[in-house]
Protein backbone atom coordinates (compact mmCIF):
# COMPACT_ATOMS: atom_id res chain seq x y z
CA MET A 1 -40.34 23.52 60.74
CA LEU A 2 -38.39 24.38 63.90
CA LYS A 3 -40.59 22.12 66.01
CA LEU A 4 -40.04 19.27 63.56
CA ASN A 5 -36.26 19.74 63.69
CA PHE A 6 -36.38 19.84 67.49
CA ALA A 7 -38.46 16.65 67.56
CA CYS A 8 -35.91 14.95 65.30
CA LEU A 9 -33.08 16.12 67.56
CA VAL A 10 -34.84 14.79 70.66
CA ALA A 11 -35.53 11.50 68.88
CA LYS A 12 -31.85 11.18 67.93
CA VAL A 13 -30.76 11.80 71.52
CA LEU A 14 -33.26 9.28 72.85
CA ILE A 15 -32.18 6.72 70.26
CA GLU A 16 -28.51 7.25 71.17
CA LYS A 17 -29.26 6.90 74.89
CA ASN A 18 -31.35 3.79 74.25
CA SER A 19 -29.25 2.51 71.36
CA LEU A 20 -29.13 -0.99 72.82
CA ILE A 21 -32.91 -1.14 73.28
CA TYR A 22 -33.33 0.39 69.82
CA LYS A 23 -31.06 -2.20 68.20
CA ILE A 24 -32.94 -5.03 69.94
CA TYR A 25 -36.25 -3.53 68.76
CA ILE A 26 -35.00 -3.26 65.16
CA SER A 27 -33.56 -6.80 65.18
CA ALA A 28 -36.84 -8.13 66.59
CA ASN A 29 -38.79 -6.36 63.85
CA ASN A 30 -36.40 -7.70 61.19
CA GLU A 31 -36.85 -11.24 62.47
CA ARG A 32 -40.62 -10.86 62.43
CA VAL A 33 -40.53 -9.49 58.86
CA ASN A 34 -38.24 -12.32 57.76
CA HIS A 35 -40.66 -14.88 59.23
CA GLU A 36 -43.54 -13.21 57.37
CA LEU A 37 -41.59 -13.48 54.11
C-alpha cells in the first residue's frame, strides 16, 4: 500500500511538472475520441 501511495505521489509531481505536456496529451486524446464518436 505504501509503494502504491508513493507511486501516486510521484505521478502527481511529474504531472504537475509536465502539466502543459499533460494537458496537450489529454486534449489530443479527447479530440481523437470525439472523432471516433
